[in-house]
Structures are given as C-alpha cells and as structure tokens.
C-alpha cells in the first residue's frame, strides 16, 4: 500500500487524494462514507477530496442516489495527463521561441548584457553554432539536454558523437527529448547554466542556421524543467 501510495502521489496527488483514488481502484465504486472509512480520510474532508479528484480527471460520479464514485484506470489517467503536459509544454516553448525571435530582431549587436550580468549571443551559420556547442560540451560537468525532432537529434549525435560519448565517462548525463510533430522548438541545455535555442526552421541550410545562446541559470532551469514534462 505504501509503495502504491508513493507511486500515485507522483501523478500530482496529495496524501488524501492518493488514498481515496487507491480505495476506489480496489472497490470499483463506492459512496463517500465508504471511501472515508476505508481510506482513513476525515468525513469533513472526503467530499472536497473527491471533488478535486473529479476535476483532475481521476474519478467520475455515477448518476445514482446516493452518489457513488468510481476510479478511472491508471493507464487512462496517464494518457490524459501525458496529453495535457505535452500540450502545455509545446505552448510554453512556442511562446518562448516567439519571444526569442523578437529579441533577435531588436539586437543591435551580437552580444547583449542583462542586468544580472547574464548574456545572450546571436549566432549565425552552422559552423559558428557548432563551435559554440563544442565549447559548451567541453565545459559541462553535470548534464546535457538535447531536445528536437528525431532528425535533429540524429544530426547532433552524428556531429558530436565523440564528444557526447566522452561525457558519461566524466560523470555527465546526456538526455534526449523528442518533440511532438506540432512543436518546432529545438534547444540544448548545458549544466542548467546555458541554453542554445535554434531560431531557424528544421531543417535549414548551413548558412541559414541561426541560434541564440543564453547564459542564464534562470532560463536554463526553465528549459530543464520543460524537458522533464
């Protein structure tokens, strides 16, 4: 039970919500009073707990009186959560990509210093971009995240095979995230310190390739968190 509770809580439920959901999975359907008793949830809290589970898509009501609740199977819930998270991530990446494009248009030089001392570089041409990537890979100490289309990831693996193969030997984790077909955002995160965000469409010719290198722990953490969802 404790192990099941721990697993269910990873789906974004608190302790009472997890207990109620697991109880309903065992009993198929039950009234609030039964759930309160078997899941050890105070009667004063059980209706709020079930209402929250219903809003989150974990349980539904039966059209009977007194009201009974039944749980959706974990596989159904996971598919729903996965779809929602992917849609949310794609939307956030699209917004950020558009914001970076606006920054690109406003750049008056190839380097912009921000108030915190963090910097943004506009990098044009695949050779220049790959040089920047190599510099970042050589300095990485913890984690590298590569996010993009299947073809984009394959190109990075081929171009930096020797460097990427050497990273795990230094204790550096290399993670890949495959974007959905609806998302055009491609990026790399280095040690939660820097992000390389590609601005050009995928694929682009070597001369037309453009990217922004953002030296910012805040932005890097945002992309690292986004890559987990």
Foldseek 3Di string as FASTA:
>chain_A
DVVQLVVVVVLVDDNLLSLLLVVQVVVQKDDQVVSCVRSVNDSVCSVVSVVVCVVLPQKDWDPDPPIMIHGDDPVVSVVVSVVVLLVVLLVVLVVVLVVVVVVVVVDPDQWDADPVRWIKGKFFFQVRVVVVVVVLLVPAQEEKEWEAAPVVVVVVCVVCVVSVVCQVVNVYYYYYAHHDPVHQWTWMAGNLFKMKTWNDGPPDDRRGTIIMIIGHSVVSVVVVVSRVD
